[in-house]
């Protein structure tokens, strides 16, 4: 998952994110029976914290995990914050057990691989909210992060990619790679371009009354960094393209800028922001040849 974070609060050298693939479900997960596994997960903060700590100890060993406070764990030298996953479990008990499994696997991998030397081929960028960035800096003691603004409330964050985790790339990592902040940004986008298919191959034209979606990849919102790459989709939709990234692995879009269409998209975005374990932003953006414009 993407919002729960692991911070190295002692050395302020690393920030780790749990990588999560969360497919948008417009209705299915809203009406379902709570499985037995979810019923066994404590719903109070202290009990939930103890439960997740016990799950991590089974993977990493007794001495690797300790409870610092409610919804806060120490995982080796790292701090693991459980507030986001706890909020998700409270709102969506049916998906809680699976989400905890994802979190535990990601945290364990982050703990094992946190000291690995960075390599150029795994440098990427993700899009995160300004609020997230502020929380990351506060939790890490003011760690300097090499970010760039995207649009109102959103920033571009360089990361190191691995199969289950994303680690925020720091100035220390840049020095080890021998690259400047600008070179890191350029390298990250070049690496993504190598694996990305053109937008026209993965995004279907959103007909009137329809909401298109790219979902299930943590780097879908990163495509917003390259506004010009969305031109073919905008052209195919008669020059109209309005997008939103409500969660960290999803972009929603429409090809209709009528008030009804915009309200429908805004409503879906709001719904996902309130239910997803990995919320990103409620901002809606209109594509123009000069870049994105915020839709008020």
C-alpha atoms as a PDB file:
ATOM      1  CA  UNK A   1       0.000   0.000   0.000  1.00  0.00           C
ATOM      2  CA  UNK A   2       1.186   3.478  -0.567  1.00  0.00           C
ATOM      3  CA  UNK A   3       0.188   5.800   2.206  1.00  0.00           C
ATOM      4  CA  UNK A   4       1.432   3.891   5.291  1.00  0.00           C
ATOM      5  CA  UNK A   5       5.093   4.856   5.508  1.00  0.00           C
ATOM      6  CA  UNK A   6       8.285   3.496   7.002  1.00  0.00           C
ATOM      7  CA  UNK A   7      10.693   6.176   8.152  1.00  0.00           C
ATOM      8  CA  UNK A   8      14.258   5.953   9.358  1.00  0.00           C
ATOM      9  CA  UNK A   9      13.719   8.495  12.078  1.00  0.00           C
ATOM     10  CA  UNK A  10      17.130   7.988  13.641  1.00  0.00           C
ATOM     11  CA  UNK A  11      19.414   8.693  10.704  1.00  0.00           C
ATOM     12  CA  UNK A  12      16.999  10.575   8.470  1.00  0.00           C
ATOM     13  CA  UNK A  13      18.537   8.740   5.521  1.00  0.00           C
ATOM     14  CA  UNK A  14      15.612   6.899   4.011  1.00  0.00           C
ATOM     15  CA  UNK A  15      11.880   7.060   3.541  1.00  0.00           C
ATOM     16  CA  UNK A  16      10.123   3.896   2.437  1.00  0.00           C
ATOM     17  CA  UNK A  17       6.652   3.448   1.033  1.00  0.00           C
ATOM     18  CA  UNK A  18       4.732   0.225   0.885  1.00  0.00           C
ATOM     19  CA  UNK A  19       4.009  -0.409  -2.773  1.00  0.00           C
ATOM     20  CA  UNK A  20       0.415  -1.385  -3.333  1.00  0.00           C
ATOM     21  CA  UNK A  21      -1.712  -2.366  -6.324  1.00  0.00           C
ATOM     22  CA  UNK A  22      -5.258  -1.188  -5.643  1.00  0.00           C
ATOM     23  CA  UNK A  23      -7.711  -1.590  -8.540  1.00  0.00           C
ATOM     24  CA  UNK A  24     -10.632   0.798  -8.528  1.00  0.00           C
ATOM     25  CA  UNK A  25     -13.903  -0.998  -7.803  1.00  0.00           C
ATOM     26  CA  UNK A  26     -16.796   1.313  -8.445  1.00  0.00           C
ATOM     27  CA  UNK A  27     -19.341  -0.695  -6.505  1.00  0.00           C
ATOM     28  CA  UNK A  28     -18.319  -4.283  -5.797  1.00  0.00           C
ATOM     29  CA  UNK A  29     -16.382  -3.690  -2.590  1.00  0.00           C
ATOM     30  CA  UNK A  30     -19.075  -1.466  -1.133  1.00  0.00           C
ATOM     31  CA  UNK A  31     -21.540  -4.324  -0.597  1.00  0.00           C
ATOM     32  CA  UNK A  32     -19.949  -7.561   0.589  1.00  0.00           C
ATOM     33  CA  UNK A  33     -19.915  -9.923   3.514  1.00  0.00           C
ATOM     34  CA  UNK A  34     -17.104  -9.401   6.031  1.00  0.00           C
ATOM     35  CA  UNK A  35     -14.891 -12.521   5.889  1.00  0.00           C
ATOM     36  CA  UNK A  36     -14.034 -14.451   9.029  1.00  0.00           C
ATOM     37  CA  UNK A  37     -10.386 -13.358   8.883  1.00  0.00           C
ATOM     38  CA  UNK A  38     -11.393  -9.697   9.114  1.00  0.00           C
ATOM     39  CA  UNK A  39     -13.589 -10.415  12.131  1.00  0.00           C
ATOM     40  CA  UNK A  40     -10.517 -11.611  14.043  1.00  0.00           C
ATOM     41  CA  UNK A  41      -8.577  -8.374  13.534  1.00  0.00           C
ATOM     42  CA  UNK A  42      -8.941  -5.998  16.519  1.00  0.00           C
ATOM     43  CA  UNK A  43     -10.803  -2.773  15.790  1.00  0.00           C
ATOM     44  CA  UNK A  44      -9.328  -0.632  18.598  1.00  0.00           C
ATOM     45  CA  UNK A  45      -6.054   1.231  17.967  1.00  0.00           C
ATOM     46  CA  UNK A  46      -4.005  -0.549  20.627  1.00  0.00           C
ATOM     47  CA  UNK A  47      -5.253  -3.992  19.660  1.00  0.00           C
ATOM     48  CA  UNK A  48      -4.735  -3.340  15.950  1.00  0.00           C
ATOM     49  CA  UNK A  49      -1.173  -2.144  16.577  1.00  0.00           C
ATOM     50  CA  UNK A  50      -0.369  -5.243  18.634  1.00  0.00           C
ATOM     51  CA  UNK A  51      -1.897  -7.473  15.950  1.00  0.00           C
ATOM     52  CA  UNK A  52       0.174  -6.004  13.103  1.00  0.00           C
ATOM     53  CA  UNK A  53       3.315  -6.104  15.265  1.00  0.00           C
ATOM     54  CA  UNK A  54       2.744  -9.804  15.930  1.00  0.00           C
ATOM     55  CA  UNK A  55       2.291 -10.469  12.205  1.00  0.00           C
ATOM     56  CA  UNK A  56       5.575  -8.710  11.459  1.00  0.00           C
ATOM     57  CA  UNK A  57       7.436 -10.573  14.200  1.00  0.00           C
ATOM     58  CA  UNK A  58       6.435 -13.886  12.631  1.00  0.00           C
ATOM     59  CA  UNK A  59       8.225 -12.785   9.459  1.00  0.00           C
ATOM     60  CA  UNK A  60      11.178 -10.803  10.813  1.00  0.00           C
ATOM     61  CA  UNK A  61      11.784 -12.308  14.244  1.00  0.00           C
ATOM     62  CA  UNK A  62      10.909 -11.275  17.789  1.00  0.00           C
ATOM     63  CA  UNK A  63      13.687  -8.736  18.198  1.00  0.00           C
ATOM     64  CA  UNK A  64      13.021  -6.798  15.006  1.00  0.00           C
ATOM     65  CA  UNK A  65       9.631  -5.250  15.842  1.00  0.00           C
ATOM     66  CA  UNK A  66       8.412  -3.271  18.853  1.00  0.00           C
ATOM     67  CA  UNK A  67       5.386  -1.106  19.627  1.00  0.00           C
ATOM     68  CA  UNK A  68       6.264   2.572  20.138  1.00  0.00           C
ATOM     69  CA  UNK A  69       2.770   4.013  20.488  1.00  0.00           C
ATOM     70  CA  UNK A  70      -0.725   3.300  19.244  1.00  0.00           C
ATOM     71  CA  UNK A  71      -0.498   2.866  15.451  1.00  0.00           C
ATOM     72  CA  UNK A  72       3.297   3.303  15.513  1.00  0.00           C
ATOM     73  CA  UNK A  73       5.876   0.509  15.336  1.00  0.00           C
ATOM     74  CA  UNK A  74       9.652   0.292  15.246  1.00  0.00           C
ATOM     75  CA  UNK A  75      10.813  -2.111  12.545  1.00  0.00           C
ATOM     76  CA  UNK A  76      14.557  -2.330  13.027  1.00  0.00           C
ATOM     77  CA  UNK A  77      15.831   1.256  12.623  1.00  0.00           C
ATOM     78  CA  UNK A  78      12.642   2.283  10.812  1.00  0.00           C
ATOM     79  CA  UNK A  79       9.372   3.706  12.072  1.00  0.00           C
ATOM     80  CA  UNK A  80       6.183   2.160  10.682  1.00  0.00           C
ATOM     81  CA  UNK A  81       3.019   4.250  10.825  1.00  0.00           C
ATOM     82  CA  UNK A  82      -0.260   2.317  10.766  1.00  0.00           C
ATOM     83  CA  UNK A  83      -2.744   5.197  10.787  1.00  0.00           C
ATOM     84  CA  UNK A  84      -3.724   4.902   7.124  1.00  0.00           C
ATOM     85  CA  UNK A  85      -4.191   1.151   7.070  1.00  0.00           C
ATOM     86  CA  UNK A  86      -6.124   1.371  10.346  1.00  0.00           C
ATOM     87  CA  UNK A  87      -8.465   3.986   8.843  1.00  0.00           C
ATOM     88  CA  UNK A  88      -8.984   1.785   5.809  1.00  0.00           C
ATOM     89  CA  UNK A  89      -9.813  -1.242   7.977  1.00  0.00           C
ATOM     90  CA  UNK A  90     -12.350   0.781   9.958  1.00  0.00           C
ATOM     91  CA  UNK A  91     -14.041   1.964   6.760  1.00  0.00           C
ATOM     92  CA  UNK A  92     -13.778  -1.318   4.805  1.00  0.00           C
ATOM     93  CA  UNK A  93     -13.607  -4.335   7.148  1.00  0.00           C
ATOM     94  CA  UNK A  94     -14.099  -6.748   4.240  1.00  0.00           C
ATOM     95  CA  UNK A  95     -10.776  -5.748   2.716  1.00  0.00           C
ATOM     96  CA  UNK A  96      -8.837  -5.416   5.960  1.00  0.00           C
ATOM     97  CA  UNK A  97      -7.230  -8.864   6.103  1.00  0.00           C
ATOM     98  CA  UNK A  98      -5.890  -8.600   2.562  1.00  0.00           C
ATOM     99  CA  UNK A  99      -4.624  -5.083   3.192  1.00  0.00           C
ATOM    100  CA  UNK A 100      -2.791  -6.155   6.351  1.00  0.00           C
ATOM    101  CA  UNK A 101      -1.181  -9.011   4.410  1.00  0.00           C
ATOM    102  CA  UNK A 102       0.028  -6.543   1.775  1.00  0.00           C
ATOM    103  CA  UNK A 103       1.347  -4.191   4.430  1.00  0.00           C
ATOM    104  CA  UNK A 104       3.243  -6.906   6.306  1.00  0.00           C
ATOM    105  CA  UNK A 105       4.881  -8.250   3.138  1.00  0.00           C
ATOM    106  CA  UNK A 106       5.900  -4.762   2.052  1.00  0.00           C
ATOM    107  CA  UNK A 107       7.229  -3.769   5.469  1.00  0.00           C
ATOM    108  CA  UNK A 108       9.260  -6.958   5.711  1.00  0.00           C
ATOM    109  CA  UNK A 109      10.803  -6.386   2.301  1.00  0.00           C
ATOM    110  CA  UNK A 110      11.543  -2.760   3.125  1.00  0.00           C
ATOM    111  CA  UNK A 111      13.288  -3.835   6.333  1.00  0.00           C
ATOM    112  CA  UNK A 112      15.415  -6.401   4.513  1.00  0.00           C
ATOM    113  CA  UNK A 113      16.334  -4.214   1.553  1.00  0.00           C
ATOM    114  CA  UNK A 114      16.510  -0.786   3.179  1.00  0.00           C
ATOM    115  CA  UNK A 115      20.310  -0.680   3.225  1.00  0.00           C
ATOM    116  CA  UNK A 116      20.805  -1.828  -0.373  1.00  0.00           C
ATOM    117  CA  UNK A 117      22.883   0.516  -2.523  1.00  0.00           C
ATOM    118  CA  UNK A 118      20.739   2.302  -5.150  1.00  0.00           C
ATOM    119  CA  UNK A 119      21.192   1.604  -8.848  1.00  0.00           C
ATOM    120  CA  UNK A 120      20.265   3.876 -11.734  1.00  0.00           C
ATOM    121  CA  UNK A 121      17.912   1.426 -13.411  1.00  0.00           C
ATOM    122  CA  UNK A 122      15.396   1.477 -10.518  1.00  0.00           C
ATOM    123  CA  UNK A 123      15.021   5.266 -10.258  1.00  0.00           C
ATOM    124  CA  UNK A 124      11.433   6.388 -10.880  1.00  0.00           C
ATOM    125  CA  UNK A 125       9.087   9.235  -9.904  1.00  0.00           C
ATOM    126  CA  UNK A 126       5.684   9.084  -8.237  1.00  0.00           C
ATOM    127  CA  UNK A 127       3.065  11.757  -7.652  1.00  0.00           C
ATOM    128  CA  UNK A 128       2.152  12.513  -4.055  1.00  0.00           C
ATOM    129  CA  UNK A 129       0.117  15.152  -2.245  1.00  0.00           C
ATOM    130  CA  UNK A 130       1.702  18.159  -0.597  1.00  0.00           C
ATOM    131  CA  UNK A 131       0.129  16.995   2.655  1.00  0.00           C
ATOM    132  CA  UNK A 132       1.893  13.651   2.331  1.00  0.00           C
ATOM    133  CA  UNK A 133       5.196  15.405   1.684  1.00  0.00           C
ATOM    134  CA  UNK A 134       4.783  17.546   4.776  1.00  0.00           C
ATOM    135  CA  UNK A 135       3.981  14.476   6.889  1.00  0.00           C
ATOM    136  CA  UNK A 136       7.028  12.651   5.533  1.00  0.00           C
ATOM    137  CA  UNK A 137       9.306  15.545   6.411  1.00  0.00           C
ATOM    138  CA  UNK A 138       7.853  15.882   9.902  1.00  0.00           C
ATOM    139  CA  UNK A 139       8.131  12.173  10.621  1.00  0.00           C
ATOM    140  CA  UNK A 140      11.721  12.062   9.362  1.00  0.00           C
ATOM    141  CA  UNK A 141      12.897  15.103  11.315  1.00  0.00           C
ATOM    142  CA  UNK A 142      12.943  17.517   8.387  1.00  0.00           C
ATOM    143  CA  UNK A 143      14.719  15.317   5.880  1.00  0.00           C
ATOM    144  CA  UNK A 144      15.442  17.223   2.626  1.00  0.00           C
ATOM    145  CA  UNK A 145      13.624  15.558  -0.268  1.00  0.00           C
ATOM    146  CA  UNK A 146      14.323  16.200  -3.947  1.00  0.00           C
ATOM    147  CA  UNK A 147      10.809  16.975  -5.116  1.00  0.00           C
ATOM    148  CA  UNK A 148       9.262  19.130  -7.838  1.00  0.00           C
ATOM    149  CA  UNK A 149       5.840  20.770  -7.925  1.00  0.00           C
ATOM    150  CA  UNK A 150       3.332  19.350 -10.404  1.00  0.00           C
ATOM    151  CA  UNK A 151       0.100  21.286  -9.929  1.00  0.00           C
ATOM    152  CA  UNK A 152      -1.769  22.730  -6.981  1.00  0.00           C
ATOM    153  CA  UNK A 153      -1.391  20.368  -4.028  1.00  0.00           C
ATOM    154  CA  UNK A 154       0.644  17.715  -5.891  1.00  0.00           C
ATOM    155  CA  UNK A 155       4.393  17.108  -6.064  1.00  0.00           C
ATOM    156  CA  UNK A 156       6.702  14.808  -8.039  1.00  0.00           C
ATOM    157  CA  UNK A 157       8.812  12.589  -5.779  1.00  0.00           C
ATOM    158  CA  UNK A 158      11.839  10.528  -6.926  1.00  0.00           C
ATOM    159  CA  UNK A 159      11.826   6.932  -5.665  1.00  0.00           C
ATOM    160  CA  UNK A 160      13.746   3.670  -5.900  1.00  0.00           C
ATOM    161  CA  UNK A 161      11.527   0.875  -7.196  1.00  0.00           C
ATOM    162  CA  UNK A 162      11.478  -2.740  -6.049  1.00  0.00           C
ATOM    163  CA  UNK A 163       8.877  -5.494  -6.531  1.00  0.00           C
ATOM    164  CA  UNK A 164       6.945  -4.673  -3.354  1.00  0.00           C
ATOM    165  CA  UNK A 165       8.236  -1.343  -2.013  1.00  0.00           C
ATOM    166  CA  UNK A 166       9.122   2.134  -3.151  1.00  0.00           C
ATOM    167  CA  UNK A 167      11.807   3.996  -1.239  1.00  0.00           C
ATOM    168  CA  UNK A 168      11.951   7.758  -1.521  1.00  0.00           C
ATOM    169  CA  UNK A 169      15.264   8.737  -3.056  1.00  0.00           C
ATOM    170  CA  UNK A 170      17.247  11.121  -0.835  1.00  0.00           C
ATOM    171  CA  UNK A 171      20.186  13.454  -1.363  1.00  0.00           C
ATOM    172  CA  UNK A 172      22.408  10.724   0.069  1.00  0.00           C
ATOM    173  CA  UNK A 173      21.191   8.363  -2.656  1.00  0.00           C
ATOM    174  CA  UNK A 174      21.854  10.992  -5.325  1.00  0.00           C
ATOM    175  CA  UNK A 175      25.410  11.378  -4.078  1.00  0.00           C
ATOM    176  CA  UNK A 176      25.941   7.611  -4.166  1.00  0.00           C
ATOM    177  CA  UNK A 177      24.658   7.580  -7.753  1.00  0.00           C
ATOM    178  CA  UNK A 178      26.773  10.610  -8.685  1.00  0.00           C
ATOM    179  CA  UNK A 179      23.769  12.548 -10.002  1.00  0.00           C
ATOM    180  CA  UNK A 180      22.286  15.987  -9.394  1.00  0.00           C
ATOM    181  CA  UNK A 181      18.630  16.501  -8.531  1.00  0.00           C
ATOM    182  CA  UNK A 182      17.849  17.481 -12.135  1.00  0.00           C
ATOM    183  CA  UNK A 183      19.690  14.437 -13.463  1.00  0.00           C
ATOM    184  CA  UNK A 184      17.743  12.203 -11.076  1.00  0.00           C
ATOM    185  CA  UNK A 185      14.454  13.624 -12.366  1.00  0.00           C
ATOM    186  CA  UNK A 186      15.477  13.171 -16.010  1.00  0.00           C
ATOM    187  CA  UNK A 187      16.716   9.634 -15.372  1.00  0.00           C
ATOM    188  CA  UNK A 188      13.499   8.682 -13.574  1.00  0.00           C
ATOM    189  CA  UNK A 189      11.326   9.806 -16.472  1.00  0.00           C
ATOM    190  CA  UNK A 190      13.631   8.134 -19.010  1.00  0.00           C
ATOM    191  CA  UNK A 191      13.344   4.855 -17.092  1.00  0.00           C
ATOM    192  CA  UNK A 192       9.559   5.119 -17.057  1.00  0.00           C
ATOM    193  CA  UNK A 193       9.398   5.889 -20.778  1.00  0.00           C
ATOM    194  CA  UNK A 194      11.264   2.634 -21.443  1.00  0.00           C
ATOM    195  CA  UNK A 195       8.503   0.557 -19.850  1.00  0.00           C
ATOM    196  CA  UNK A 196       5.446   2.668 -20.604  1.00  0.00           C
ATOM    197  CA  UNK A 197       3.212   1.947 -23.566  1.00  0.00           C
ATOM    198  CA  UNK A 198       1.852   5.007 -25.400  1.00  0.00           C
ATOM    199  CA  UNK A 199      -1.244   6.456 -23.748  1.00  0.00           C
ATOM    200  CA  UNK A 200      -3.332   5.644 -26.834  1.00  0.00           C
ATOM    201  CA  UNK A 201      -2.627   1.920 -26.331  1.00  0.00           C
ATOM    202  CA  UNK A 202      -3.749   1.722 -22.719  1.00  0.00           C
ATOM    203  CA  UNK A 203      -6.450   4.393 -22.357  1.00  0.00           C
ATOM    204  CA  UNK A 204      -9.744   3.861 -24.155  1.00  0.00           C
ATOM    205  CA  UNK A 205     -11.626   6.887 -25.402  1.00  0.00           C
ATOM    206  CA  UNK A 206     -14.169   7.979 -22.788  1.00  0.00           C
ATOM    207  CA  UNK A 207     -17.453   8.349 -24.631  1.00  0.00           C
ATOM    208  CA  UNK A 208     -20.073  10.820 -23.306  1.00  0.00           C
ATOM    209  CA  UNK A 209     -21.521   9.489 -20.069  1.00  0.00           C
ATOM    210  CA  UNK A 210     -18.490   7.270 -19.430  1.00  0.00           C
ATOM    211  CA  UNK A 211     -15.554   7.596 -17.037  1.00  0.00           C
ATOM    212  CA  UNK A 212     -12.310   6.069 -18.266  1.00  0.00           C
ATOM    213  CA  UNK A 213      -9.733   4.645 -15.918  1.00  0.00           C
ATOM    214  CA  UNK A 214      -6.115   3.571 -15.721  1.00  0.00           C
ATOM    215  CA  UNK A 215      -5.776   1.529 -12.550  1.00  0.00           C
ATOM    216  CA  UNK A 216      -3.621  -1.058 -10.831  1.00  0.00           C
ATOM    217  CA  UNK A 217      -0.167   0.496 -11.375  1.00  0.00           C
ATOM    218  CA  UNK A 218       1.530   2.833  -8.904  1.00  0.00           C
ATOM    219  CA  UNK A 219       3.093   4.705 -11.819  1.00  0.00           C
ATOM    220  CA  UNK A 220      -0.156   5.602 -13.620  1.00  0.00           C
ATOM    221  CA  UNK A 221      -0.349   9.006 -11.848  1.00  0.00           C
ATOM    222  CA  UNK A 222       3.306   9.579 -12.811  1.00  0.00           C
ATOM    223  CA  UNK A 223       2.118   9.923 -16.395  1.00  0.00           C
ATOM    224  CA  UNK A 224       0.640  13.283 -15.395  1.00  0.00           C
ATOM    225  CA  UNK A 225       4.208  14.617 -15.196  1.00  0.00           C
ATOM    226  CA  UNK A 226       4.390  14.319 -18.990  1.00  0.00           C
ATOM    227  CA  UNK A 227       1.311  16.323 -19.965  1.00  0.00           C
ATOM    228  CA  UNK A 228       2.215  16.349 -23.665  1.00  0.00           C
ATOM    229  CA  UNK A 229       1.996  12.526 -23.793  1.00  0.00           C
ATOM    230  CA  UNK A 230      -1.768  12.775 -23.197  1.00  0.00           C
ATOM    231  CA  UNK A 231      -2.320  14.737 -26.425  1.00  0.00           C
ATOM    232  CA  UNK A 232      -3.439  11.700 -28.498  1.00  0.00           C
ATOM    233  CA  UNK A 233      -6.189  10.849 -26.003  1.00  0.00           C
ATOM    234  CA  UNK A 234      -7.326  14.459 -25.806  1.00  0.00           C
ATOM    235  CA  UNK A 235      -7.449  14.639 -29.618  1.00  0.00           C
ATOM    236  CA  UNK A 236      -9.434  11.399 -29.825  1.00  0.00           C
ATOM    237  CA  UNK A 237     -11.949  12.904 -27.384  1.00  0.00           C
ATOM    238  CA  UNK A 238     -12.478  16.019 -29.457  1.00  0.00           C
ATOM    239  CA  UNK A 239      -9.932  18.056 -27.554  1.00  0.00           C
ATOM    240  CA  UNK A 240     -11.573  17.485 -24.153  1.00  0.00           C
ATOM    241  CA  UNK A 241      -9.705  15.618 -21.434  1.00  0.00           C
ATOM    242  CA  UNK A 242     -10.265  16.062 -17.705  1.00  0.00           C
ATOM    243  CA  UNK A 243      -8.372  13.793 -15.328  1.00  0.00           C
ATOM    244  CA  UNK A 244      -8.121  13.041 -11.615  1.00  0.00           C
ATOM    245  CA  UNK A 245      -5.857  10.800  -9.535  1.00  0.00           C
ATOM    246  CA  UNK A 246      -7.863  10.025  -6.392  1.00  0.00           C
ATOM    247  CA  UNK A 247      -5.624   7.146  -5.305  1.00  0.00           C
ATOM    248  CA  UNK A 248      -1.945   6.467  -5.811  1.00  0.00           C
ATOM    249  CA  UNK A 249      -2.318   3.826  -8.546  1.00  0.00           C
ATOM    250  CA  UNK A 250      -5.249   5.230 -10.508  1.00  0.00           C
ATOM    251  CA  UNK A 251      -6.092   7.953 -13.015  1.00  0.00           C
ATOM    252  CA  UNK A 252      -9.737   8.613 -13.931  1.00  0.00           C
ATOM    253  CA  UNK A 253     -10.685  10.689 -16.960  1.00  0.00           C
ATOM    254  CA  UNK A 254     -13.605  11.971 -19.017  1.00  0.00           C
ATOM    255  CA  UNK A 255     -13.977  13.392 -22.515  1.00  0.00           C
ATOM    256  CA  UNK A 256     -16.979  15.566 -21.672  1.00  0.00           C
ATOM    257  CA  UNK A 257     -16.728  18.901 -19.873  1.00  0.00           C
ATOM    258  CA  UNK A 258     -20.425  19.416 -19.257  1.00  0.00           C
ATOM    259  CA  UNK A 259     -21.401  20.237 -15.641  1.00  0.00           C
ATOM    260  CA  UNK A 260     -23.111  16.850 -15.324  1.00  0.00           C
ATOM    261  CA  UNK A 261     -20.000  14.953 -16.444  1.00  0.00           C
ATOM    262  CA  UNK A 262     -17.690  16.958 -14.214  1.00  0.00           C
ATOM    263  CA  UNK A 263     -19.981  16.469 -11.217  1.00  0.00           C
ATOM    264  CA  UNK A 264     -20.103  12.716 -11.862  1.00  0.00           C
ATOM    265  CA  UNK A 265     -16.310  12.500 -11.940  1.00  0.00           C
ATOM    266  CA  UNK A 266     -15.998  14.663  -8.845  1.00  0.00           C
ATOM    267  CA  UNK A 267     -18.468  12.436  -6.992  1.00  0.00           C
ATOM    268  CA  UNK A 268     -16.551   9.264  -7.862  1.00  0.00           C
ATOM    269  CA  UNK A 269     -13.267  10.870  -6.841  1.00  0.00           C
ATOM    270  CA  UNK A 270     -14.739  11.907  -3.492  1.00  0.00           C
ATOM    271  CA  UNK A 271     -16.077   8.400  -2.911  1.00  0.00           C
ATOM    272  CA  UNK A 272     -12.703   6.784  -3.591  1.00  0.00           C
ATOM    273  CA  UNK A 273     -10.858   9.299  -1.436  1.00  0.00           C
ATOM    274  CA  UNK A 274     -13.069   8.341   1.472  1.00  0.00           C
ATOM    275  CA  UNK A 275     -12.711   4.563   1.061  1.00  0.00           C
ATOM    276  CA  UNK A 276      -9.335   3.756  -0.488  1.00  0.00           C
ATOM    277  CA  UNK A 277      -6.337   2.767   1.663  1.00  0.00           C
ATOM    278  CA  UNK A 278      -4.058   4.838  -0.564  1.00  0.00           C
ATOM    279  CA  UNK A 279      -5.774   8.214  -1.205  1.00  0.00           C
ATOM    280  CA  UNK A 280      -3.962  10.819  -3.274  1.00  0.00           C
ATOM    281  CA  UNK A 281      -5.881  13.916  -4.331  1.00  0.00           C
ATOM    282  CA  UNK A 282      -9.290  15.312  -5.188  1.00  0.00           C
ATOM    283  CA  UNK A 283      -7.886  17.842  -7.656  1.00  0.00           C
ATOM    284  CA  UNK A 284      -9.257  17.637 -11.204  1.00  0.00           C
ATOM    285  CA  UNK A 285      -7.127  18.730 -14.151  1.00  0.00           C
ATOM    286  CA  UNK A 286      -7.999  19.836 -17.682  1.00  0.00           C
ATOM    287  CA  UNK A 287      -5.525  19.034 -20.439  1.00  0.00           C
ATOM    288  CA  UNK A 288      -4.331  21.912 -22.630  1.00  0.00           C
ATOM    289  CA  UNK A 289      -1.473  22.064 -25.166  1.00  0.00           C
ATOM    290  CA  UNK A 290       0.383  24.202 -22.606  1.00  0.00           C
ATOM    291  CA  UNK A 291      -0.080  21.738 -19.730  1.00  0.00           C
ATOM    292  CA  UNK A 292      -2.610  20.946 -17.006  1.00  0.00           C
ATOM    293  CA  UNK A 293      -5.095  23.460 -15.623  1.00  0.00           C
ATOM    294  CA  UNK A 294      -6.898  22.941 -12.340  1.00  0.00           C
ATOM    295  CA  UNK A 295     -10.672  22.562 -12.733  1.00  0.00           C
ATOM    296  CA  UNK A 296     -12.404  24.619 -10.067  1.00  0.00           C
END
